[in-house]
Structure formats: structure tokens, C-alpha cells
Amino acid sequence: MKKIAVPVQGNNVSTHFGHAPAFKIFSVEDNQIKKNEVLENPGHEPGLLPKLLSDAGAEVIIASGMGQKAITLFEKNKIEVICGAKGEALTAVENYLNNKLKTTDNACSH
């Protein structure tokens, strides 16, 4: 089962992944979402979130934007980074599963 993480504020993709109150972890099997769970954000500290999400089994993170340092840390934890998502987290994951969501240059500058 593949796990996809999305930083959320309510049900929407958070505009700044590191400060998102929580992450939704979507479990996917046969390209179908089987369940999702919420993982509270323990705090914004460099290197903490990639390790936390890796330990939760995430293989992909879908975010609005992200700095290059964070992208590098996620990649070191073998988590694929997709930037440029907006709107509802569920819709972003569905678009990713249907090859309609692609990485953009929407990386944070700070």
C-alpha cells in the first residue's frame, strides 16, 4: 500500500507545509484511496518533518510550495515531492493518482 502525505489546514492543502497544523496521510491501493488519517504537526524544525513522514510510511508528499532545502531532505528520506497543489487535499491526491498533478516550480523562496 502506497502512502501519500499532504500538509493540511482543515481539508485544504496548506500554503506552507512546515507550518501546517497537520498532515493527512492517504493510503492508496490499486490507485484507489482506501483510507486517510491525520498526523499532527509536532513543530517546524529543519529535518523533523521528512523523518516523521518517512516513519509514517509516506512515499510521496503533495504540497503547495517548498524550499529547496526541504525538498532535498524529503528526497534523502526517499519521499517524492510534488509542488503546486491547491484546494482540497483529497482532490489533489486524486489528481496525482490520475496523472493530472505535476510538480511545478512553485517552491518557497524562504
PDB file of N, CA and C in Angstrom:
ATOM      1  N   MET A   1       0.841  -1.175   0.000  1.00  0.00           N
ATOM      2  CA  MET A   1       0.000   0.000   0.000  1.00  0.00           C
ATOM      3  C   MET A   1       0.888   1.240   0.000  1.00  0.00           C
ATOM      4  N   LYS A   2       0.596   2.157  -0.897  1.00  0.00           N
ATOM      5  CA  LYS A   2       1.345   3.400  -1.017  1.00  0.00           C
ATOM      6  C   LYS A   2       0.720   4.451  -0.105  1.00  0.00           C
ATOM      7  N   LYS A   3       1.562   5.279   0.526  1.00  0.00           N
ATOM      8  CA  LYS A   3       1.055   6.347   1.381  1.00  0.00           C
ATOM      9  C   LYS A   3       1.500   7.696   0.829  1.00  0.00           C
ATOM     10  N   ILE A   4       0.531   8.608   0.778  1.00  0.00           N
ATOM     11  CA  ILE A   4       0.756   9.949   0.247  1.00  0.00           C
ATOM     12  C   ILE A   4       0.425  10.946   1.351  1.00  0.00           C
ATOM     13  N   ALA A   5       1.366  11.832   1.664  1.00  0.00           N
ATOM     14  CA  ALA A   5       1.171  12.843   2.703  1.00  0.00           C
ATOM     15  C   ALA A   5       0.823  14.186   2.073  1.00  0.00           C
ATOM     16  N   VAL A   6      -0.073  14.915   2.732  1.00  0.00           N
ATOM     17  CA  VAL A   6      -0.449  16.253   2.286  1.00  0.00           C
ATOM     18  C   VAL A   6      -0.535  17.151   3.520  1.00  0.00           C
ATOM     19  N   PRO A   7       0.227  18.263   3.544  1.00  0.00           N
ATOM     20  CA  PRO A   7       0.080  19.204   4.658  1.00  0.00           C
ATOM     21  C   PRO A   7      -1.262  19.911   4.523  1.00  0.00           C
ATOM     22  N   VAL A   8      -2.034  19.937   5.607  1.00  0.00           N
ATOM     23  CA  VAL A   8      -3.388  20.487   5.505  1.00  0.00           C
ATOM     24  C   VAL A   8      -3.680  21.540   6.563  1.00  0.00           C
ATOM     25  N   GLN A   9      -4.570  22.411   6.180  1.00  0.00           N
ATOM     26  CA  GLN A   9      -5.225  23.342   7.095  1.00  0.00           C
ATOM     27  C   GLN A   9      -6.701  23.099   6.858  1.00  0.00           C
ATOM     28  N   GLY A  10      -7.337  22.434   7.798  1.00  0.00           N
ATOM     29  CA  GLY A  10      -8.703  21.946   7.573  1.00  0.00           C
ATOM     30  C   GLY A  10      -8.630  20.825   6.557  1.00  0.00           C
ATOM     31  N   ASN A  11      -9.410  20.937   5.478  1.00  0.00           N
ATOM     32  CA  ASN A  11      -9.375  19.925   4.419  1.00  0.00           C
ATOM     33  C   ASN A  11      -8.566  20.368   3.210  1.00  0.00           C
ATOM     34  N   ASN A  12      -7.989  21.566   3.289  1.00  0.00           N
ATOM     35  CA  ASN A  12      -7.265  22.116   2.145  1.00  0.00           C
ATOM     36  C   ASN A  12      -5.758  21.965   2.278  1.00  0.00           C
ATOM     37  N   VAL A  13      -5.097  21.934   1.130  1.00  0.00           N
ATOM     38  CA  VAL A  13      -3.636  21.899   1.096  1.00  0.00           C
ATOM     39  C   VAL A  13      -3.138  23.190   1.736  1.00  0.00           C
ATOM     40  N   SER A  14      -2.279  23.072   2.722  1.00  0.00           N
ATOM     41  CA  SER A  14      -1.716  24.240   3.387  1.00  0.00           C
ATOM     42  C   SER A  14      -0.756  24.957   2.445  1.00  0.00           C
ATOM     43  N   THR A  15      -0.754  26.279   2.504  1.00  0.00           N
ATOM     44  CA  THR A  15       0.122  27.044   1.622  1.00  0.00           C
ATOM     45  C   THR A  15       1.573  27.018   2.089  1.00  0.00           C
ATOM     46  N   HIS A  16       1.835  26.592   3.310  1.00  0.00           N
ATOM     47  CA  HIS A  16       3.226  26.453   3.788  1.00  0.00           C
ATOM     48  C   HIS A  16       3.337  25.160   4.568  1.00  0.00           C
ATOM     49  N   PHE A  17       3.932  24.156   3.935  1.00  0.00           N
ATOM     50  CA  PHE A  17       3.898  22.808   4.506  1.00  0.00           C
ATOM     51  C   PHE A  17       4.467  22.736   5.919  1.00  0.00           C
ATOM     52  N   GLY A  18       5.520  23.470   6.211  1.00  0.00           N
ATOM     53  CA  GLY A  18       6.172  23.379   7.521  1.00  0.00           C
ATOM     54  C   GLY A  18       5.339  23.918   8.661  1.00  0.00           C
ATOM     55  N   HIS A  19       4.428  24.830   8.349  1.00  0.00           N
ATOM     56  CA  HIS A  19       3.588  25.427   9.379  1.00  0.00           C
ATOM     57  C   HIS A  19       2.163  24.884   9.349  1.00  0.00           C
ATOM     58  N   ALA A  20       1.911  23.874   8.552  1.00  0.00           N
ATOM     59  CA  ALA A  20       0.580  23.264   8.504  1.00  0.00           C
ATOM     60  C   ALA A  20       0.271  22.650   9.874  1.00  0.00           C
ATOM     61  N   PRO A  21      -0.959  22.794  10.348  1.00  0.00           N
ATOM     62  CA  PRO A  21      -1.315  22.203  11.640  1.00  0.00           C
ATOM     63  C   PRO A  21      -1.232  20.672  11.652  1.00  0.00           C
ATOM     64  N   ALA A  22      -1.428  20.070  10.463  1.00  0.00           N
ATOM     65  CA  ALA A  22      -1.463  18.605  10.399  1.00  0.00           C
ATOM     66  C   ALA A  22      -1.137  18.133   8.984  1.00  0.00           C
ATOM     67  N   PHE A  23      -0.960  16.833   8.874  1.00  0.00           N
ATOM     68  CA  PHE A  23      -0.757  16.175   7.587  1.00  0.00           C
ATOM     69  C   PHE A  23      -1.803  15.082   7.458  1.00  0.00           C
ATOM     70  N   LYS A  24      -2.428  15.005   6.292  1.00  0.00           N
ATOM     71  CA  LYS A  24      -3.305  13.870   6.004  1.00  0.00           C
ATOM     72  C   LYS A  24      -2.441  12.845   5.289  1.00  0.00           C
ATOM     73  N   ILE A  25      -2.533  11.625   5.751  1.00  0.00           N
ATOM     74  CA  ILE A  25      -1.802  10.516   5.147  1.00  0.00           C
ATOM     75  C   ILE A  25      -2.837   9.633   4.460  1.00  0.00           C
ATOM     76  N   PHE A  26      -2.793   9.625   3.137  1.00  0.00           N
ATOM     77  CA  PHE A  26      -3.733   8.835   2.334  1.00  0.00           C
ATOM     78  C   PHE A  26      -3.092   7.489   1.993  1.00  0.00           C
ATOM     79  N   SER A  27      -3.793   6.411   2.310  1.00  0.00           N
ATOM     80  CA  SER A  27      -3.338   5.069   1.958  1.00  0.00           C
ATOM     81  C   SER A  27      -3.998   4.673   0.646  1.00  0.00           C
ATOM     82  N   VAL A  28      -3.174   4.298  -0.324  1.00  0.00           N
ATOM     83  CA  VAL A  28      -3.649   4.020  -1.679  1.00  0.00           C
ATOM     84  C   VAL A  28      -3.282   2.596  -2.073  1.00  0.00           C
ATOM     85  N   GLU A  29      -4.256   1.896  -2.634  1.00  0.00           N
ATOM     86  CA  GLU A  29      -4.031   0.544  -3.141  1.00  0.00           C
ATOM     87  C   GLU A  29      -4.757   0.424  -4.478  1.00  0.00           C
ATOM     88  N   ASP A  30      -4.090  -0.131  -5.468  1.00  0.00           N
ATOM     89  CA  ASP A  30      -4.665  -0.258  -6.815  1.00  0.00           C
ATOM     90  C   ASP A  30      -5.193   1.086  -7.324  1.00  0.00           C
ATOM     91  N   ASN A  31      -4.422   2.141  -7.051  1.00  0.00           N
ATOM     92  CA  ASN A  31      -4.721   3.504  -7.495  1.00  0.00           C
ATOM     93  C   ASN A  31      -6.029   4.052  -6.908  1.00  0.00           C
ATOM     94  N   GLN A  32      -6.493   3.460  -5.808  1.00  0.00           N
ATOM     95  CA  GLN A  32      -7.707   3.903  -5.123  1.00  0.00           C
ATOM     96  C   GLN A  32      -7.367   4.270  -3.677  1.00  0.00           C
ATOM     97  N   ILE A  33      -7.921   5.382  -3.209  1.00  0.00           N
ATOM     98  CA  ILE A  33      -7.726   5.782  -1.816  1.00  0.00           C
ATOM     99  C   ILE A  33      -8.559   4.858  -0.938  1.00  0.00           C
ATOM    100  N   LYS A  34      -7.889   4.169  -0.031  1.00  0.00           N
ATOM    101  CA  LYS A  34      -8.578   3.225   0.851  1.00  0.00           C
ATOM    102  C   LYS A  34      -8.914   3.858   2.192  1.00  0.00           C
ATOM    103  N   LYS A  35      -8.045   4.758   2.674  1.00  0.00           N
ATOM    104  CA  LYS A  35      -8.308   5.445   3.940  1.00  0.00           C
ATOM    105  C   LYS A  35      -7.379   6.640   4.050  1.00  0.00           C
ATOM    106  N   ASN A  36      -7.688   7.506   5.009  1.00  0.00           N
ATOM    107  CA  ASN A  36      -6.758   8.585   5.331  1.00  0.00           C
ATOM    108  C   ASN A  36      -6.773   8.804   6.826  1.00  0.00           C
ATOM    109  N   GLU A  37      -5.646   9.227   7.315  1.00  0.00           N
ATOM    110  CA  GLU A  37      -5.521   9.503   8.739  1.00  0.00           C
ATOM    111  C   GLU A  37      -4.830  10.847   8.902  1.00  0.00           C
ATOM    112  N   VAL A  38      -4.992  11.435  10.069  1.00  0.00           N
ATOM    113  CA  VAL A  38      -4.402  12.736  10.334  1.00  0.00           C
ATOM    114  C   VAL A  38      -3.234  12.571  11.288  1.00  0.00           C
ATOM    115  N   LEU A  39      -2.126  13.207  10.936  1.00  0.00           N
ATOM    116  CA  LEU A  39      -0.927  13.210  11.760  1.00  0.00           C
ATOM    117  C   LEU A  39      -0.660  14.661  12.129  1.00  0.00           C
ATOM    118  N   GLU A  40      -0.710  14.967  13.415  1.00  0.00           N
ATOM    119  CA  GLU A  40      -0.491  16.342  13.867  1.00  0.00           C
ATOM    120  C   GLU A  40       0.957  16.750  13.619  1.00  0.00           C
ATOM    121  N   ASN A  41       1.162  18.002  13.270  1.00  0.00           N
ATOM    122  CA  ASN A  41       2.498  18.547  13.047  1.00  0.00           C
ATOM    123  C   ASN A  41       3.125  18.831  14.411  1.00  0.00           C
ATOM    124  N   PRO A  42       4.235  18.171  14.745  1.00  0.00           N
ATOM    125  CA  PRO A  42       4.858  18.380  16.056  1.00  0.00           C
ATOM    126  C   PRO A  42       5.651  19.683  16.159  1.00  0.00           C
ATOM    127  N   GLY A  43       5.827  20.387  15.049  1.00  0.00           N
ATOM    128  CA  GLY A  43       6.561  21.653  15.088  1.00  0.00           C
ATOM    129  C   GLY A  43       7.426  21.828  13.863  1.00  0.00           C
ATOM    130  N   HIS A  44       7.803  23.071  13.620  1.00  0.00           N
ATOM    131  CA  HIS A  44       8.606  23.408  12.439  1.00  0.00           C
ATOM    132  C   HIS A  44      10.077  23.442  12.842  1.00  0.00           C
ATOM    133  N   GLU A  45      10.776  22.386  12.497  1.00  0.00           N
ATOM    134  CA  GLU A  45      12.199  22.266  12.811  1.00  0.00           C
ATOM    135  C   GLU A  45      12.860  21.589  11.618  1.00  0.00           C
ATOM    136  N   PRO A  46      13.916  22.176  11.061  1.00  0.00           N
ATOM    137  CA  PRO A  46      14.550  21.585   9.873  1.00  0.00           C
ATOM    138  C   PRO A  46      14.881  20.098  10.058  1.00  0.00           C
ATOM    139  N   GLY A  47      14.426  19.300   9.115  1.00  0.00           N
ATOM    140  CA  GLY A  47      14.719  17.868   9.122  1.00  0.00           C
ATOM    141  C   GLY A  47      13.721  17.013   9.878  1.00  0.00           C
ATOM    142  N   LEU A  48      12.880  17.619  10.707  1.00  0.00           N
ATOM    143  CA  LEU A  48      11.933  16.856  11.524  1.00  0.00           C
ATOM    144  C   LEU A  48      10.810  16.237  10.696  1.00  0.00           C
ATOM    145  N   LEU A  49      10.192  17.034   9.827  1.00  0.00           N
ATOM    146  CA  LEU A  49       9.032  16.537   9.074  1.00  0.00           C
ATOM    147  C   LEU A  49       9.371  15.447   8.064  1.00  0.00           C
ATOM    148  N   PRO A  50      10.475  15.550   7.314  1.00  0.00           N
ATOM    149  CA  PRO A  50      10.797  14.433   6.417  1.00  0.00           C
ATOM    150  C   PRO A  50      10.970  13.106   7.161  1.00  0.00           C
ATOM    151  N   LYS A  51      11.612  13.141   8.317  1.00  0.00           N
ATOM    152  CA  LYS A  51      11.811  11.923   9.108  1.00  0.00           C
ATOM    153  C   LYS A  51      10.475  11.426   9.659  1.00  0.00           C
ATOM    154  N   LEU A  52       9.659  12.337  10.179  1.00  0.00           N
ATOM    155  CA  LEU A  52       8.356  11.974  10.728  1.00  0.00           C
ATOM    156  C   LEU A  52       7.476  11.314   9.678  1.00  0.00           C
ATOM    157  N   LEU A  53       7.412  11.909   8.494  1.00  0.00           N
ATOM    158  CA  LEU A  53       6.571  11.367   7.432  1.00  0.00           C
ATOM    159  C   LEU A  53       7.134  10.075   6.861  1.00  0.00           C
ATOM    160  N   SER A  54       8.455   9.975   6.812  1.00  0.00           N
ATOM    161  CA  SER A  54       9.084   8.727   6.380  1.00  0.00           C
ATOM    162  C   SER A  54       8.742   7.602   7.359  1.00  0.00           C
ATOM    163  N   ASP A  55       8.839   7.902   8.651  1.00  0.00           N
ATOM    164  CA  ASP A  55       8.495   6.904   9.673  1.00  0.00           C
ATOM    165  C   ASP A  55       7.023   6.506   9.595  1.00  0.00           C
ATOM    166  N   ALA A  56       6.162   7.418   9.098  1.00  0.00           N
ATOM    167  CA  ALA A  56       4.738   7.116   8.939  1.00  0.00           C
ATOM    168  C   ALA A  56       4.466   6.328   7.658  1.00  0.00           C
ATOM    169  N   GLY A  57       5.515   6.100   6.866  1.00  0.00           N
ATOM    170  CA  GLY A  57       5.369   5.297   5.655  1.00  0.00           C
ATOM    171  C   GLY A  57       5.109   6.079   4.382  1.00  0.00           C
ATOM    172  N   ALA A  58       5.144   7.412   4.454  1.00  0.00           N
ATOM    173  CA  ALA A  58       4.863   8.225   3.265  1.00  0.00           C
ATOM    174  C   ALA A  58       5.941   8.021   2.198  1.00  0.00           C
ATOM    175  N   GLU A  59       5.480   7.869   0.960  1.00  0.00           N
ATOM    176  CA  GLU A  59       6.379   7.740  -0.187  1.00  0.00           C
ATOM    177  C   GLU A  59       6.319   8.966  -1.079  1.00  0.00           C
ATOM    178  N   VAL A  60       5.261   9.770  -0.892  1.00  0.00           N
ATOM    179  CA  VAL A  60       5.032  10.970  -1.695  1.00  0.00           C
ATOM    180  C   VAL A  60       4.517  12.061  -0.761  1.00  0.00           C
ATOM    181  N   ILE A  61       4.951  13.305  -0.993  1.00  0.00           N
ATOM    182  CA  ILE A  61       4.333  14.450  -0.325  1.00  0.00           C
ATOM    183  C   ILE A  61       3.850  15.400  -1.409  1.00  0.00           C
ATOM    184  N   ILE A  62       2.599  15.789  -1.291  1.00  0.00           N
ATOM    185  CA  ILE A  62       1.995  16.746  -2.218  1.00  0.00           C
ATOM    186  C   ILE A  62       1.823  18.040  -1.440  1.00  0.00           C
ATOM    187  N   ALA A  63       2.432  19.119  -1.929  1.00  0.00           N
ATOM    188  CA  ALA A  63       2.399  20.393  -1.216  1.00  0.00           C
ATOM    189  C   ALA A  63       2.132  21.543  -2.172  1.00  0.00           C
ATOM    190  N   SER A  64       1.817  22.683  -1.600  1.00  0.00           N
ATOM    191  CA  SER A  64       1.640  23.896  -2.387  1.00  0.00           C
ATOM    192  C   SER A  64       2.997  24.405  -2.848  1.00  0.00           C
ATOM    193  N   GLY A  65       3.911  24.541  -1.926  1.00  0.00           N
ATOM    194  CA  GLY A  65       5.257  25.009  -2.222  1.00  0.00           C
ATOM    195  C   GLY A  65       6.216  24.537  -1.148  1.00  0.00           C
ATOM    196  N   MET A  66       7.502  24.581  -1.467  1.00  0.00           N
ATOM    197  CA  MET A  66       8.501  24.073  -0.545  1.00  0.00           C
ATOM    198  C   MET A  66       9.865  24.586  -0.973  1.00  0.00           C
ATOM    199  N   GLY A  67      10.702  24.930  -0.011  1.00  0.00           N
ATOM    200  CA  GLY A  67      12.054  25.377  -0.311  1.00  0.00           C
ATOM    201  C   GLY A  67      12.949  24.234  -0.753  1.00  0.00           C
ATOM    202  N   GLN A  68      14.036  24.565  -1.415  1.00  0.00           N
ATOM    203  CA  GLN A  68      14.943  23.544  -1.940  1.00  0.00           C
ATOM    204  C   GLN A  68      15.560  22.689  -0.843  1.00  0.00           C
ATOM    205  N   LYS A  69      15.878  23.282   0.311  1.00  0.00           N
ATOM    206  CA  LYS A  69      16.460  22.508   1.410  1.00  0.00           C
ATOM    207  C   LYS A  69      15.484  21.423   1.871  1.00  0.00           C
ATOM    208  N   ALA A  70      14.208  21.791   2.002  1.00  0.00           N
ATOM    209  CA  ALA A  70      13.192  20.813   2.410  1.00  0.00           C
ATOM    210  C   ALA A  70      13.035  19.722   1.357  1.00  0.00           C
ATOM    211  N   ILE A  71      13.020  20.119   0.091  1.00  0.00           N
ATOM    212  CA  ILE A  71      12.913  19.132  -0.989  1.00  0.00           C
ATOM    213  C   ILE A  71      14.053  18.128  -0.901  1.00  0.00           C
ATOM    214  N   THR A  72      15.265  18.621  -0.694  1.00  0.00           N
ATOM    215  CA  THR A  72      16.439  17.747  -0.580  1.00  0.00           C
ATOM    216  C   THR A  72      16.297  16.789   0.599  1.00  0.00           C
ATOM    217  N   LEU A  73      15.805  17.292   1.737  1.00  0.00           N
ATOM    218  CA  LEU A  73      15.631  16.436   2.915  1.00  0.00           C
ATOM    219  C   LEU A  73      14.573  15.361   2.675  1.00  0.00           C
ATOM    220  N   PHE A  74      13.484  15.717   2.001  1.00  0.00           N
ATOM    221  CA  PHE A  74      12.472  14.701   1.683  1.00  0.00           C
ATOM    222  C   PHE A  74      13.053  13.653   0.747  1.00  0.00           C
ATOM    223  N   GLU A  75      13.791  14.091  -0.270  1.00  0.00           N
ATOM    224  CA  GLU A  75      14.385  13.140  -1.213  1.00  0.00           C
ATOM    225  C   GLU A  75      15.389  12.220  -0.522  1.00  0.00           C
ATOM    226  N   LYS A  76      16.141  12.728   0.450  1.00  0.00           N
ATOM    227  CA  LYS A  76      17.065  11.878   1.212  1.00  0.00           C
ATOM    228  C   LYS A  76      16.320  10.822   2.011  1.00  0.00           C
ATOM    229  N   ASN A  77      15.070  11.121   2.363  1.00  0.00           N
ATOM    230  CA  ASN A  77      14.221  10.160   3.078  1.00  0.00           C
ATOM    231  C   ASN A  77      13.379   9.331   2.117  1.00  0.00           C
ATOM    232  N   LYS A  78      13.732   9.385   0.824  1.00  0.00           N
ATOM    233  CA  LYS A  78      13.075   8.605  -0.224  1.00  0.00           C
ATOM    234  C   LYS A  78      11.584   8.933  -0.357  1.00  0.00           C
ATOM    235  N   ILE A  79      11.274  10.241  -0.231  1.00  0.00           N
ATOM    236  CA  ILE A  79       9.909  10.713  -0.401  1.00  0.00           C
ATOM    237  C   ILE A  79       9.881  11.617  -1.628  1.00  0.00           C
ATOM    238  N   GLU A  80       9.051  11.252  -2.605  1.00  0.00           N
ATOM    239  CA  GLU A  80       8.884  12.049  -3.816  1.00  0.00           C
ATOM    240  C   GLU A  80       8.142  13.337  -3.464  1.00  0.00           C
ATOM    241  N   VAL A  81       8.604  14.465  -3.996  1.00  0.00           N
ATOM    242  CA  VAL A  81       7.998  15.761  -3.711  1.00  0.00           C
ATOM    243  C   VAL A  81       7.242  16.274  -4.936  1.00  0.00           C
ATOM    244  N   ILE A  82       5.969  16.621  -4.716  1.00  0.00           N
ATOM    245  CA  ILE A  82       5.136  17.222  -5.750  1.00  0.00           C
ATOM    246  C   ILE A  82       4.693  18.585  -5.222  1.00  0.00           C
ATOM    247  N   CYS A  83       5.069  19.663  -5.905  1.00  0.00           N
ATOM    248  CA  CYS A  83       4.674  21.018  -5.503  1.00  0.00           C
ATOM    249  C   CYS A  83       3.678  21.588  -6.502  1.00  0.00           C
ATOM    250  N   GLY A  84       2.927  22.578  -6.033  1.00  0.00           N
ATOM    251  CA  GLY A  84       1.988  23.264  -6.904  1.00  0.00           C
ATOM    252  C   GLY A  84       0.533  22.925  -6.643  1.00  0.00           C
ATOM    253  N   ALA A  85       0.255  22.113  -5.630  1.00  0.00           N
ATOM    254  CA  ALA A  85      -1.126  21.720  -5.334  1.00  0.00           C
ATOM    255  C   ALA A  85      -1.875  22.847  -4.633  1.00  0.00           C
ATOM    256  N   LYS A  86      -3.166  22.936  -4.918  1.00  0.00           N
ATOM    257  CA  LYS A  86      -4.045  23.919  -4.285  1.00  0.00           C
ATOM    258  C   LYS A  86      -5.389  23.265  -4.027  1.00  0.00           C
ATOM    259  N   GLY A  87      -6.178  23.889  -3.157  1.00  0.00           N
ATOM    260  CA  GLY A  87      -7.541  23.415  -2.932  1.00  0.00           C
ATOM    261  C   GLY A  87      -7.608  22.247  -1.959  1.00  0.00           C
ATOM    262  N   GLU A  88      -8.614  21.416  -2.149  1.00  0.00           N
ATOM    263  CA  GLU A  88      -8.836  20.293  -1.240  1.00  0.00           C
ATOM    264  C   GLU A  88      -7.739  19.239  -1.362  1.00  0.00           C
ATOM    265  N   ALA A  89      -7.300  18.734  -0.226  1.00  0.00           N
ATOM    266  CA  ALA A  89      -6.253  17.710  -0.205  1.00  0.00           C
ATOM    267  C   ALA A  89      -6.698  16.450  -0.947  1.00  0.00           C
ATOM    268  N   LEU A  90      -7.936  16.024  -0.731  1.00  0.00           N
ATOM    269  CA  LEU A  90      -8.454  14.826  -1.389  1.00  0.00           C
ATOM    270  C   LEU A  90      -8.401  14.978  -2.904  1.00  0.00           C
ATOM    271  N   THR A  91      -8.807  16.137  -3.405  1.00  0.00           N
ATOM    272  CA  THR A  91      -8.775  16.389  -4.846  1.00  0.00           C
ATOM    273  C   THR A  91      -7.342  16.368  -5.370  1.00  0.00           C
ATOM    274  N   ALA A  92      -6.414  16.939  -4.623  1.00  0.00           N
ATOM    275  CA  ALA A  92      -5.002  16.936  -5.034  1.00  0.00           C
ATOM    276  C   ALA A  92      -4.472  15.513  -5.162  1.00  0.00           C
ATOM    277  N   VAL A  93      -4.822  14.661  -4.206  1.00  0.00           N
ATOM    278  CA  VAL A  93      -4.368  13.264  -4.259  1.00  0.00           C
ATOM    279  C   VAL A  93      -5.025  12.542  -5.435  1.00  0.00           C
ATOM    280  N   GLU A  94      -6.313  12.759  -5.638  1.00  0.00           N
ATOM    281  CA  GLU A  94      -6.997  12.132  -6.776  1.00  0.00           C
ATOM    282  C   GLU A  94      -6.369  12.581  -8.096  1.00  0.00           C
ATOM    283  N   ASN A  95      -6.058  13.880  -8.208  1.00  0.00           N
ATOM    284  CA  ASN A  95      -5.402  14.375  -9.426  1.00  0.00           C
ATOM    285  C   ASN A  95      -4.032  13.743  -9.610  1.00  0.00           C
ATOM    286  N   TYR A  96      -3.293  13.572  -8.525  1.00  0.00           N
ATOM    287  CA  TYR A  96      -1.987  12.909  -8.599  1.00  0.00           C
ATOM    288  C   TYR A  96      -2.156  11.468  -9.099  1.00  0.00           C
ATOM    289  N   LEU A  97      -3.111  10.761  -8.544  1.00  0.00           N
ATOM    290  CA  LEU A  97      -3.328   9.360  -8.929  1.00  0.00           C
ATOM    291  C   LEU A  97      -3.764   9.227 -10.383  1.00  0.00           C
ATOM    292  N   ASN A  98      -4.415  10.266 -10.902  1.00  0.00           N
ATOM    293  CA  ASN A  98      -4.875  10.258 -12.290  1.00  0.00           C
ATOM    294  C   ASN A  98      -3.919  10.984 -13.228  1.00  0.00           C
ATOM    295  N   ASN A  99      -2.690  11.185 -12.772  1.00  0.00           N
ATOM    296  CA  ASN A  99      -1.645  11.854 -13.568  1.00  0.00           C
ATOM    297  C   ASN A  99      -2.038  13.246 -14.040  1.00  0.00           C
ATOM    298  N   LYS A 100      -2.826  13.949 -13.246  1.00  0.00           N
ATOM    299  CA  LYS A 100      -3.236  15.307 -13.589  1.00  0.00           C
ATOM    300  C   LYS A 100      -2.542  16.352 -12.716  1.00  0.00           C
ATOM    301  N   LEU A 101      -1.690  15.913 -11.812  1.00  0.00           N
ATOM    302  CA  LEU A 101      -0.973  16.823 -10.924  1.00  0.00           C
ATOM    303  C   LEU A 101       0.518  16.598 -11.125  1.00  0.00           C
ATOM    304  N   LYS A 102       1.198  17.618 -11.557  1.00  0.00           N
ATOM    305  CA  LYS A 102       2.630  17.515 -11.838  1.00  0.00           C
ATOM    306  C   LYS A 102       3.390  18.528 -11.002  1.00  0.00           C
ATOM    307  N   THR A 103       4.644  18.238 -10.732  1.00  0.00           N
ATOM    308  CA  THR A 103       5.494  19.164  -9.987  1.00  0.00           C
ATOM    309  C   THR A 103       5.660  20.453 -10.790  1.00  0.00           C
ATOM    310  N   THR A 104       5.546  21.570 -10.056  1.00  0.00           N
ATOM    311  CA  THR A 104       5.765  22.873 -10.688  1.00  0.00           C
ATOM    312  C   THR A 104       6.988  23.518 -10.042  1.00  0.00           C
ATOM    313  N   ASP A 105       7.318  24.694 -10.509  1.00  0.00           N
ATOM    314  CA  ASP A 105       8.423  25.447  -9.922  1.00  0.00           C
ATOM    315  C   ASP A 105       7.946  26.270  -8.728  1.00  0.00           C
ATOM    316  N   ASN A 106       6.846  25.885  -8.126  1.00  0.00           N
ATOM    317  CA  ASN A 106       6.256  26.633  -7.025  1.00  0.00           C
ATOM    318  C   ASN A 106       6.954  26.296  -5.712  1.00  0.00           C
ATOM    319  N   ALA A 107       8.240  26.578  -5.644  1.00  0.00           N
ATOM    320  CA  ALA A 107       8.992  26.321  -4.422  1.00  0.00           C
ATOM    321  C   ALA A 107       9.098  27.614  -3.625  1.00  0.00           C
ATOM    322  N   CYS A 108       9.083  27.480  -2.324  1.00  0.00           N
ATOM    323  CA  CYS A 108       9.209  28.658  -1.460  1.00  0.00           C
ATOM    324  C   CYS A 108      10.592  29.276  -1.630  1.00  0.00           C
ATOM    325  N   SER A 109      10.664  30.574  -1.416  1.00  0.00           N
ATOM    326  CA  SER A 109      11.952  31.251  -1.522  1.00  0.00           C
ATOM    327  C   SER A 109      12.565  31.514  -0.153  1.00  0.00           C
ATOM    328  N   HIS A 110      11.902  31.039   0.913  1.00  0.00           N
ATOM    329  CA  HIS A 110      12.424  31.242   2.264  1.00  0.00           C
ATOM    330  C   HIS A 110      12.452  29.947   3.050  1.00  0.00           C
TER     331      HIS A 110
END
